[in-house]
Amino acid sequence: MIFEKPFLSGEANMSHSIANLEHHHFKYGLFRHPGDVHVHMFGTATLSFADGIATQPGDEFEIEAADFGLPLRNRLAIDNSVHAKCRIAVRPL
């Protein structure tokens, strides 16, 4: 293991309250259609890149939190065939 920190999540660890986020999200008519479902994914302030961690293919990521049950494990793999077909251009606005 090369990186481990507490997994801080939930409203107590957020910059804004959920009520404030809802207010700003739903003030736009685009987001107020009857029958629509809105799902918001909130992450955590635990960031490995802030500690200089760089990933590479084959690295295994594991997230364990009691509320999730069993740990989630994923191994990083790159599908070069997908990237070979993608052209990315960055242009100034």
PDB file of N, CA and C in Angstrom:
ATOM      1  N   MET A   1       0.853  -1.167   0.000  1.00  0.00           N
ATOM      2  CA  MET A   1       0.000   0.000   0.000  1.00  0.00           C
ATOM      3  C   MET A   1       0.900   1.232   0.000  1.00  0.00           C
ATOM      4  N   ILE A   2       0.577   2.180  -0.901  1.00  0.00           N
ATOM      5  CA  ILE A   2       1.393   3.401  -0.972  1.00  0.00           C
ATOM      6  C   ILE A   2       0.627   4.647  -0.545  1.00  0.00           C
ATOM      7  N   PHE A   3      -0.678   4.531  -0.343  1.00  0.00           N
ATOM      8  CA  PHE A   3      -1.470   5.699   0.041  1.00  0.00           C
ATOM      9  C   PHE A   3      -2.674   5.259   0.865  1.00  0.00           C
ATOM     10  N   GLU A   4      -2.876   5.917   1.986  1.00  0.00           N
ATOM     11  CA  GLU A   4      -4.047   5.643   2.810  1.00  0.00           C
ATOM     12  C   GLU A   4      -4.364   6.891   3.623  1.00  0.00           C
ATOM     13  N   LYS A   5      -5.612   7.307   3.557  1.00  0.00           N
ATOM     14  CA  LYS A   5      -6.085   8.451   4.336  1.00  0.00           C
ATOM     15  C   LYS A   5      -7.536   8.203   4.712  1.00  0.00           C
ATOM     16  N   PRO A   6      -8.033   8.936   5.696  1.00  0.00           N
ATOM     17  CA  PRO A   6      -9.456   8.796   6.051  1.00  0.00           C
ATOM     18  C   PRO A   6     -10.346   9.215   4.886  1.00  0.00           C
ATOM     19  N   PHE A   7     -11.460   8.518   4.741  1.00  0.00           N
ATOM     20  CA  PHE A   7     -12.446   8.791   3.692  1.00  0.00           C
ATOM     21  C   PHE A   7     -13.505   9.699   4.287  1.00  0.00           C
ATOM     22  N   LEU A   8     -13.316  11.006   4.120  1.00  0.00           N
ATOM     23  CA  LEU A   8     -14.241  11.979   4.704  1.00  0.00           C
ATOM     24  C   LEU A   8     -15.315  12.318   3.677  1.00  0.00           C
ATOM     25  N   SER A   9     -16.547  12.049   4.025  1.00  0.00           N
ATOM     26  CA  SER A   9     -17.643  12.333   3.125  1.00  0.00           C
ATOM     27  C   SER A   9     -18.833  12.801   3.948  1.00  0.00           C
ATOM     28  N   GLY A  10     -19.887  13.179   3.291  1.00  0.00           N
ATOM     29  CA  GLY A  10     -21.087  13.626   3.994  1.00  0.00           C
ATOM     30  C   GLY A  10     -21.133  15.137   4.121  1.00  0.00           C
ATOM     31  N   GLU A  11     -22.302  15.644   4.468  1.00  0.00           N
ATOM     32  CA  GLU A  11     -22.531  17.081   4.494  1.00  0.00           C
ATOM     33  C   GLU A  11     -21.599  17.814   5.459  1.00  0.00           C
ATOM     34  N   ALA A  12     -21.223  17.176   6.557  1.00  0.00           N
ATOM     35  CA  ALA A  12     -20.333  17.819   7.532  1.00  0.00           C
ATOM     36  C   ALA A  12     -18.956  18.137   6.935  1.00  0.00           C
ATOM     37  N   ASN A  13     -18.586  17.452   5.850  1.00  0.00           N
ATOM     38  CA  ASN A  13     -17.284  17.663   5.217  1.00  0.00           C
ATOM     39  C   ASN A  13     -17.378  18.415   3.891  1.00  0.00           C
ATOM     40  N   MET A  14     -18.551  18.963   3.602  1.00  0.00           N
ATOM     41  CA  MET A  14     -18.766  19.672   2.339  1.00  0.00           C
ATOM     42  C   MET A  14     -18.592  21.176   2.532  1.00  0.00           C
ATOM     43  N   SER A  15     -18.227  21.867   1.454  1.00  0.00           N
ATOM     44  CA  SER A  15     -18.098  23.322   1.498  1.00  0.00           C
ATOM     45  C   SER A  15     -19.461  24.003   1.565  1.00  0.00           C
ATOM     46  N   HIS A  16     -20.470  23.373   0.956  1.00  0.00           N
ATOM     47  CA  HIS A  16     -21.820  23.930   0.919  1.00  0.00           C
ATOM     48  C   HIS A  16     -22.798  22.895   1.455  1.00  0.00           C
ATOM     49  N   SER A  17     -23.893  23.365   2.034  1.00  0.00           N
ATOM     50  CA  SER A  17     -24.917  22.436   2.520  1.00  0.00           C
ATOM     51  C   SER A  17     -25.682  21.854   1.335  1.00  0.00           C
ATOM     52  N   ILE A  18     -26.311  20.717   1.537  1.00  0.00           N
ATOM     53  CA  ILE A  18     -27.128  20.113   0.486  1.00  0.00           C
ATOM     54  C   ILE A  18     -28.274  21.054   0.129  1.00  0.00           C
ATOM     55  N   ALA A  19     -28.870  21.719   1.125  1.00  0.00           N
ATOM     56  CA  ALA A  19     -29.959  22.668   0.858  1.00  0.00           C
ATOM     57  C   ALA A  19     -29.478  23.780  -0.070  1.00  0.00           C
ATOM     58  N   ASN A  20     -28.261  24.276   0.133  1.00  0.00           N
ATOM     59  CA  ASN A  20     -27.715  25.326  -0.722  1.00  0.00           C
ATOM     60  C   ASN A  20     -27.482  24.805  -2.135  1.00  0.00           C
ATOM     61  N   LEU A  21     -26.966  23.592  -2.260  1.00  0.00           N
ATOM     62  CA  LEU A  21     -26.754  23.003  -3.587  1.00  0.00           C
ATOM     63  C   LEU A  21     -28.072  22.817  -4.317  1.00  0.00           C
ATOM     64  N   GLU A  22     -29.095  22.340  -3.595  1.00  0.00           N
ATOM     65  CA  GLU A  22     -30.423  22.172  -4.202  1.00  0.00           C
ATOM     66  C   GLU A  22     -30.962  23.514  -4.687  1.00  0.00           C
ATOM     67  N   HIS A  23     -30.836  24.526  -3.855  1.00  0.00           N
ATOM     68  CA  HIS A  23     -31.333  25.852  -4.220  1.00  0.00           C
ATOM     69  C   HIS A  23     -30.711  26.322  -5.532  1.00  0.00           C
ATOM     70  N   HIS A  24     -29.399  26.219  -5.636  1.00  0.00           N
ATOM     71  CA  HIS A  24     -28.721  26.713  -6.832  1.00  0.00           C
ATOM     72  C   HIS A  24     -28.951  25.815  -8.038  1.00  0.00           C
ATOM     73  N   HIS A  25     -29.148  24.534  -7.824  1.00  0.00           N
ATOM     74  CA  HIS A  25     -29.406  23.608  -8.937  1.00  0.00           C
ATOM     75  C   HIS A  25     -30.798  23.842  -9.514  1.00  0.00           C
ATOM     76  N   PHE A  26     -31.793  23.895  -8.641  1.00  0.00           N
ATOM     77  CA  PHE A  26     -33.178  23.948  -9.096  1.00  0.00           C
ATOM     78  C   PHE A  26     -33.687  25.356  -9.386  1.00  0.00           C
ATOM     79  N   LYS A  27     -32.850  26.365  -9.275  1.00  0.00           N
ATOM     80  CA  LYS A  27     -33.290  27.707  -9.658  1.00  0.00           C
ATOM     81  C   LYS A  27     -33.350  27.843 -11.182  1.00  0.00           C
ATOM     82  N   TYR A  28     -32.761  26.899 -11.900  1.00  0.00           N
ATOM     83  CA  TYR A  28     -32.779  26.914 -13.362  1.00  0.00           C
ATOM     84  C   TYR A  28     -33.923  26.036 -13.876  1.00  0.00           C
ATOM     85  N   GLY A  29     -34.743  26.597 -14.750  1.00  0.00           N
ATOM     86  CA  GLY A  29     -35.882  25.874 -15.311  1.00  0.00           C
ATOM     87  C   GLY A  29     -35.487  24.579 -15.996  1.00  0.00           C
ATOM     88  N   LEU A  30     -34.303  24.540 -16.553  1.00  0.00           N
ATOM     89  CA  LEU A  30     -33.809  23.343 -17.233  1.00  0.00           C
ATOM     90  C   LEU A  30     -33.853  22.116 -16.324  1.00  0.00           C
ATOM     91  N   PHE A  31     -33.707  22.344 -15.018  1.00  0.00           N
ATOM     92  CA  PHE A  31     -33.644  21.239 -14.057  1.00  0.00           C
ATOM     93  C   PHE A  31     -34.959  21.026 -13.307  1.00  0.00           C
ATOM     94  N   ARG A  32     -36.044  21.661 -13.759  1.00  0.00           N
ATOM     95  CA  ARG A  32     -37.327  21.530 -13.060  1.00  0.00           C
ATOM     96  C   ARG A  32     -38.402  20.983 -13.981  1.00  0.00           C
ATOM     97  N   HIS A  33     -38.225  19.761 -14.445  1.00  0.00           N
ATOM     98  CA  HIS A  33     -39.221  19.109 -15.291  1.00  0.00           C
ATOM     99  C   HIS A  33     -39.875  17.981 -14.500  1.00  0.00           C
ATOM    100  N   PRO A  34     -41.228  17.980 -14.410  1.00  0.00           N
ATOM    101  CA  PRO A  34     -41.902  16.913 -13.669  1.00  0.00           C
ATOM    102  C   PRO A  34     -41.484  15.525 -14.182  1.00  0.00           C
ATOM    103  N   GLY A  35     -41.218  14.649 -13.253  1.00  0.00           N
ATOM    104  CA  GLY A  35     -40.837  13.281 -13.601  1.00  0.00           C
ATOM    105  C   GLY A  35     -39.339  13.070 -13.722  1.00  0.00           C
ATOM    106  N   ASP A  36     -38.558  14.132 -13.823  1.00  0.00           N
ATOM    107  CA  ASP A  36     -37.099  13.980 -13.894  1.00  0.00           C
ATOM    108  C   ASP A  36     -36.559  13.521 -12.552  1.00  0.00           C
ATOM    109  N   VAL A  37     -35.507  12.750 -12.596  1.00  0.00           N
ATOM    110  CA  VAL A  37     -34.816  12.305 -11.393  1.00  0.00           C
ATOM    111  C   VAL A  37     -33.417  12.903 -11.429  1.00  0.00           C
ATOM    112  N   HIS A  38     -33.000  13.470 -10.326  1.00  0.00           N
ATOM    113  CA  HIS A  38     -31.674  14.076 -10.236  1.00  0.00           C
ATOM    114  C   HIS A  38     -30.853  13.305  -9.206  1.00  0.00           C
ATOM    115  N   VAL A  39     -29.706  12.828  -9.638  1.00  0.00           N
ATOM    116  CA  VAL A  39     -28.812  12.091  -8.750  1.00  0.00           C
ATOM    117  C   VAL A  39     -27.516  12.881  -8.665  1.00  0.00           C
ATOM    118  N   HIS A  40     -27.109  13.180  -7.467  1.00  0.00           N
ATOM    119  CA  HIS A  40     -25.863  13.910  -7.249  1.00  0.00           C
ATOM    120  C   HIS A  40     -24.873  12.979  -6.556  1.00  0.00           C
ATOM    121  N   MET A  41     -23.689  12.881  -7.111  1.00  0.00           N
ATOM    122  CA  MET A  41     -22.637  12.059  -6.525  1.00  0.00           C
ATOM    123  C   MET A  41     -21.657  12.992  -5.821  1.00  0.00           C
ATOM    124  N   PHE A  42     -21.521  12.804  -4.537  1.00  0.00           N
ATOM    125  CA  PHE A  42     -20.604  13.626  -3.767  1.00  0.00           C
ATOM    126  C   PHE A  42     -19.373  12.796  -3.425  1.00  0.00           C
ATOM    127  N   GLY A  43     -18.235  13.336  -3.703  1.00  0.00           N
ATOM    128  CA  GLY A  43     -16.990  12.619  -3.457  1.00  0.00           C
ATOM    129  C   GLY A  43     -16.441  12.890  -2.072  1.00  0.00           C
ATOM    130  N   THR A  44     -15.159  12.929  -2.001  1.00  0.00           N
ATOM    131  CA  THR A  44     -14.469  13.113  -0.735  1.00  0.00           C
ATOM    132  C   THR A  44     -13.296  14.058  -0.941  1.00  0.00           C
ATOM    133  N   ALA A  45     -12.808  14.613   0.129  1.00  0.00           N
ATOM    134  CA  ALA A  45     -11.646  15.501   0.057  1.00  0.00           C
ATOM    135  C   ALA A  45     -10.340  14.714   0.093  1.00  0.00           C
ATOM    136  N   THR A  46     -10.407  13.413   0.028  1.00  0.00           N
ATOM    137  CA  THR A  46      -9.217  12.568   0.060  1.00  0.00           C
ATOM    138  C   THR A  46      -8.660  12.470  -1.363  1.00  0.00           C
ATOM    139  N   LEU A  47      -7.563  13.152  -1.613  1.00  0.00           N
ATOM    140  CA  LEU A  47      -7.006  13.223  -2.957  1.00  0.00           C
ATOM    141  C   LEU A  47      -5.558  12.742  -2.950  1.00  0.00           C
ATOM    142  N   SER A  48      -5.294  11.654  -3.622  1.00  0.00           N
ATOM    143  CA  SER A  48      -3.936  11.107  -3.625  1.00  0.00           C
ATOM    144  C   SER A  48      -2.972  11.958  -4.444  1.00  0.00           C
ATOM    145  N   PHE A  49      -3.469  12.621  -5.500  1.00  0.00           N
ATOM    146  CA  PHE A  49      -2.532  13.403  -6.324  1.00  0.00           C
ATOM    147  C   PHE A  49      -1.941  14.564  -5.558  1.00  0.00           C
ATOM    148  N   ALA A  50      -2.621  15.031  -4.515  1.00  0.00           N
ATOM    149  CA  ALA A  50      -2.075  16.108  -3.686  1.00  0.00           C
ATOM    150  C   ALA A  50      -0.828  15.650  -2.938  1.00  0.00           C
ATOM    151  N   ASP A  51      -0.670  14.343  -2.791  1.00  0.00           N
ATOM    152  CA  ASP A  51       0.509  13.787  -2.122  1.00  0.00           C
ATOM    153  C   ASP A  51       1.534  13.244  -3.118  1.00  0.00           C
ATOM    154  N   GLY A  52       1.363  13.605  -4.388  1.00  0.00           N
ATOM    155  CA  GLY A  52       2.347  13.213  -5.399  1.00  0.00           C
ATOM    156  C   GLY A  52       2.204  11.792  -5.913  1.00  0.00           C
ATOM    157  N   ILE A  53       1.052  11.167  -5.697  1.00  0.00           N
ATOM    158  CA  ILE A  53       0.844   9.794  -6.183  1.00  0.00           C
ATOM    159  C   ILE A  53       0.536   9.834  -7.677  1.00  0.00           C
ATOM    160  N   ALA A  54       1.240   9.045  -8.463  1.00  0.00           N
ATOM    161  CA  ALA A  54       0.985   8.916  -9.900  1.00  0.00           C
ATOM    162  C   ALA A  54       0.620   7.467 -10.183  1.00  0.00           C
ATOM    163  N   THR A  55      -0.435   7.275 -10.949  1.00  0.00           N
ATOM    164  CA  THR A  55      -0.883   5.915 -11.242  1.00  0.00           C
ATOM    165  C   THR A  55      -0.283   5.409 -12.540  1.00  0.00           C
ATOM    166  N   GLN A  56      -0.329   4.092 -12.691  1.00  0.00           N
ATOM    167  CA  GLN A  56       0.133   3.454 -13.917  1.00  0.00           C
ATOM    168  C   GLN A  56      -0.686   2.188 -14.121  1.00  0.00           C
ATOM    169  N   PRO A  57      -0.761   1.709 -15.362  1.00  0.00           N
ATOM    170  CA  PRO A  57      -1.533   0.490 -15.624  1.00  0.00           C
ATOM    171  C   PRO A  57      -1.085  -0.648 -14.706  1.00  0.00           C
ATOM    172  N   GLY A  58      -2.067  -1.357 -14.184  1.00  0.00           N
ATOM    173  CA  GLY A  58      -1.799  -2.464 -13.272  1.00  0.00           C
ATOM    174  C   GLY A  58      -1.991  -2.099 -11.812  1.00  0.00           C
ATOM    175  N   ASP A  59      -2.002  -0.802 -11.503  1.00  0.00           N
ATOM    176  CA  ASP A  59      -2.236  -0.378 -10.120  1.00  0.00           C
ATOM    177  C   ASP A  59      -3.626  -0.812  -9.682  1.00  0.00           C
ATOM    178  N   GLU A  60      -3.734  -1.223  -8.450  1.00  0.00           N
ATOM    179  CA  GLU A  60      -5.037  -1.625  -7.905  1.00  0.00           C
ATOM    180  C   GLU A  60      -5.496  -0.581  -6.900  1.00  0.00           C
ATOM    181  N   PHE A  61      -6.750  -0.180  -7.038  1.00  0.00           N
ATOM    182  CA  PHE A  61      -7.361   0.797  -6.141  1.00  0.00           C
ATOM    183  C   PHE A  61      -8.360   0.078  -5.259  1.00  0.00           C
ATOM    184  N   GLU A  62      -8.341   0.379  -3.984  1.00  0.00           N
ATOM    185  CA  GLU A  62      -9.289  -0.230  -3.052  1.00  0.00           C
ATOM    186  C   GLU A  62      -9.874   0.867  -2.177  1.00  0.00           C
ATOM    187  N   ILE A  63     -11.196   0.877  -2.096  1.00  0.00           N
ATOM    188  CA  ILE A  63     -11.902   1.804  -1.219  1.00  0.00           C
ATOM    189  C   ILE A  63     -12.718   0.959  -0.259  1.00  0.00           C
ATOM    190  N   GLU A  64     -12.517   1.223   1.019  1.00  0.00           N
ATOM    191  CA  GLU A  64     -13.244   0.474   2.037  1.00  0.00           C
ATOM    192  C   GLU A  64     -13.903   1.459   2.995  1.00  0.00           C
ATOM    193  N   ALA A  65     -15.206   1.330   3.134  1.00  0.00           N
ATOM    194  CA  ALA A  65     -15.975   2.143   4.074  1.00  0.00           C
ATOM    195  C   ALA A  65     -17.060   1.236   4.654  1.00  0.00           C
ATOM    196  N   ALA A  66     -17.198   1.246   5.948  1.00  0.00           N
ATOM    197  CA  ALA A  66     -18.140   0.346   6.624  1.00  0.00           C
ATOM    198  C   ALA A  66     -19.541   0.428   6.029  1.00  0.00           C
ATOM    199  N   ASP A  67     -19.979   1.626   5.655  1.00  0.00           N
ATOM    200  CA  ASP A  67     -21.329   1.789   5.104  1.00  0.00           C
ATOM    201  C   ASP A  67     -21.517   1.096   3.757  1.00  0.00           C
ATOM    202  N   PHE A  68     -20.421   0.830   3.046  1.00  0.00           N
ATOM    203  CA  PHE A  68     -20.514   0.186   1.731  1.00  0.00           C
ATOM    204  C   PHE A  68     -20.484  -1.335   1.809  1.00  0.00           C
ATOM    205  N   GLY A  69     -20.153  -1.887   2.956  1.00  0.00           N
ATOM    206  CA  GLY A  69     -20.035  -3.340   3.064  1.00  0.00           C
ATOM    207  C   GLY A  69     -18.631  -3.775   2.685  1.00  0.00           C
ATOM    208  N   LEU A  70     -18.524  -4.649   1.701  1.00  0.00           N
ATOM    209  CA  LEU A  70     -17.215  -5.160   1.271  1.00  0.00           C
ATOM    210  C   LEU A  70     -16.412  -4.082   0.545  1.00  0.00           C
ATOM    211  N   PRO A  71     -15.086  -4.183   0.578  1.00  0.00           N
ATOM    212  CA  PRO A  71     -14.255  -3.201  -0.128  1.00  0.00           C
ATOM    213  C   PRO A  71     -14.479  -3.266  -1.637  1.00  0.00           C
ATOM    214  N   LEU A  72     -14.336  -2.125  -2.292  1.00  0.00           N
ATOM    215  CA  LEU A  72     -14.406  -2.044  -3.747  1.00  0.00           C
ATOM    216  C   LEU A  72     -12.974  -2.032  -4.265  1.00  0.00           C
ATOM    217  N   ARG A  73     -12.651  -2.956  -5.175  1.00  0.00           N
ATOM    218  CA  ARG A  73     -11.306  -3.037  -5.745  1.00  0.00           C
ATOM    219  C   ARG A  73     -11.386  -2.961  -7.267  1.00  0.00           C
ATOM    220  N   ASN A  74     -10.541  -2.142  -7.843  1.00  0.00           N
ATOM    221  CA  ASN A  74     -10.446  -2.026  -9.295  1.00  0.00           C
ATOM    222  C   ASN A  74      -8.987  -1.913  -9.694  1.00  0.00           C
ATOM    223  N   ARG A  75      -8.639  -2.571 -10.788  1.00  0.00           N
ATOM    224  CA  ARG A  75      -7.279  -2.492 -11.319  1.00  0.00           C
ATOM    225  C   ARG A  75      -7.305  -1.564 -12.537  1.00  0.00           C
ATOM    226  N   LEU A  76      -6.338  -0.650 -12.599  1.00  0.00           N
ATOM    227  CA  LEU A  76      -6.264   0.303 -13.694  1.00  0.00           C
ATOM    228  C   LEU A  76      -5.736  -0.381 -14.953  1.00  0.00           C
ATOM    229  N   ALA A  77      -6.481  -0.228 -16.037  1.00  0.00           N
ATOM    230  CA  ALA A  77      -6.068  -0.750 -17.341  1.00  0.00           C
ATOM    231  C   ALA A  77      -6.374   0.314 -18.381  1.00  0.00           C
ATOM    232  N   ILE A  78      -5.535   0.395 -19.387  1.00  0.00           N
ATOM    233  CA  ILE A  78      -5.718   1.362 -20.469  1.00  0.00           C
ATOM    234  C   ILE A  78      -6.088   0.603 -21.732  1.00  0.00           C
ATOM    235  N   ASP A  79      -7.166   1.026 -22.359  1.00  0.00           N
ATOM    236  CA  ASP A  79      -7.577   0.437 -23.636  1.00  0.00           C
ATOM    237  C   ASP A  79      -7.055   1.358 -24.729  1.00  0.00           C
ATOM    238  N   ASN A  80      -5.903   1.038 -25.261  1.00  0.00           N
ATOM    239  CA  ASN A  80      -5.265   1.903 -26.248  1.00  0.00           C
ATOM    240  C   ASN A  80      -6.071   2.026 -27.530  1.00  0.00           C
ATOM    241  N   SER A  81      -6.886   1.039 -27.835  1.00  0.00           N
ATOM    242  CA  SER A  81      -7.671   1.132 -29.063  1.00  0.00           C
ATOM    243  C   SER A  81      -8.668   2.281 -28.989  1.00  0.00           C
ATOM    244  N   VAL A  82      -9.186   2.548 -27.811  1.00  0.00           N
ATOM    245  CA  VAL A  82     -10.124   3.656 -27.642  1.00  0.00           C
ATOM    246  C   VAL A  82      -9.394   4.986 -27.756  1.00  0.00           C
ATOM    247  N   HIS A  83      -8.246   5.103 -27.111  1.00  0.00           N
ATOM    248  CA  HIS A  83      -7.503   6.357 -27.134  1.00  0.00           C
ATOM    249  C   HIS A  83      -6.939   6.657 -28.516  1.00  0.00           C
ATOM    250  N   ALA A  84      -6.613   5.636 -29.267  1.00  0.00           N
ATOM    251  CA  ALA A  84      -6.064   5.846 -30.600  1.00  0.00           C
ATOM    252  C   ALA A  84      -7.106   6.485 -31.515  1.00  0.00           C
ATOM    253  N   LYS A  85      -8.386   6.260 -31.274  1.00  0.00           N
ATOM    254  CA  LYS A  85      -9.459   6.803 -32.109  1.00  0.00           C
ATOM    255  C   LYS A  85      -9.886   8.201 -31.676  1.00  0.00           C
ATOM    256  N   CYS A  86      -9.481   8.615 -30.487  1.00  0.00           N
ATOM    257  CA  CYS A  86      -9.897   9.919 -29.955  1.00  0.00           C
ATOM    258  C   CYS A  86      -8.880  10.988 -30.315  1.00  0.00           C
ATOM    259  N   ARG A  87      -9.381  12.099 -30.798  1.00  0.00           N
ATOM    260  CA  ARG A  87      -8.515  13.240 -31.051  1.00  0.00           C
ATOM    261  C   ARG A  87      -8.973  14.350 -30.105  1.00  0.00           C
ATOM    262  N   ILE A  88      -8.048  14.846 -29.338  1.00  0.00           N
ATOM    263  CA  ILE A  88      -8.374  15.890 -28.370  1.00  0.00           C
ATOM    264  C   ILE A  88      -7.594  17.149 -28.749  1.00  0.00           C
ATOM    265  N   ALA A  89      -8.320  18.242 -28.848  1.00  0.00           N
ATOM    266  CA  ALA A  89      -7.683  19.517 -29.149  1.00  0.00           C
ATOM    267  C   ALA A  89      -8.108  20.521 -28.092  1.00  0.00           C
ATOM    268  N   VAL A  90      -7.163  21.260 -27.573  1.00  0.00           N
ATOM    269  CA  VAL A  90      -7.445  22.288 -26.591  1.00  0.00           C
ATOM    270  C   VAL A  90      -7.219  23.634 -27.275  1.00  0.00           C
ATOM    271  N   ARG A  91      -8.268  24.461 -27.263  1.00  0.00           N
ATOM    272  CA  ARG A  91      -8.176  25.759 -27.893  1.00  0.00           C
ATOM    273  C   ARG A  91      -8.544  26.848 -26.884  1.00  0.00           C
ATOM    274  N   PRO A  92      -7.879  27.961 -26.937  1.00  0.00           N
ATOM    275  CA  PRO A  92      -8.249  29.048 -26.014  1.00  0.00           C
ATOM    276  C   PRO A  92      -9.636  29.582 -26.382  1.00  0.00           C
ATOM    277  N   LEU A  93     -10.358  30.047 -25.384  1.00  0.00           N
ATOM    278  CA  LEU A  93     -11.685  30.629 -25.634  1.00  0.00           C
ATOM    279  C   LEU A  93     -11.572  32.025 -26.181  1.00  0.00           C
TER     280      LEU A  93
END
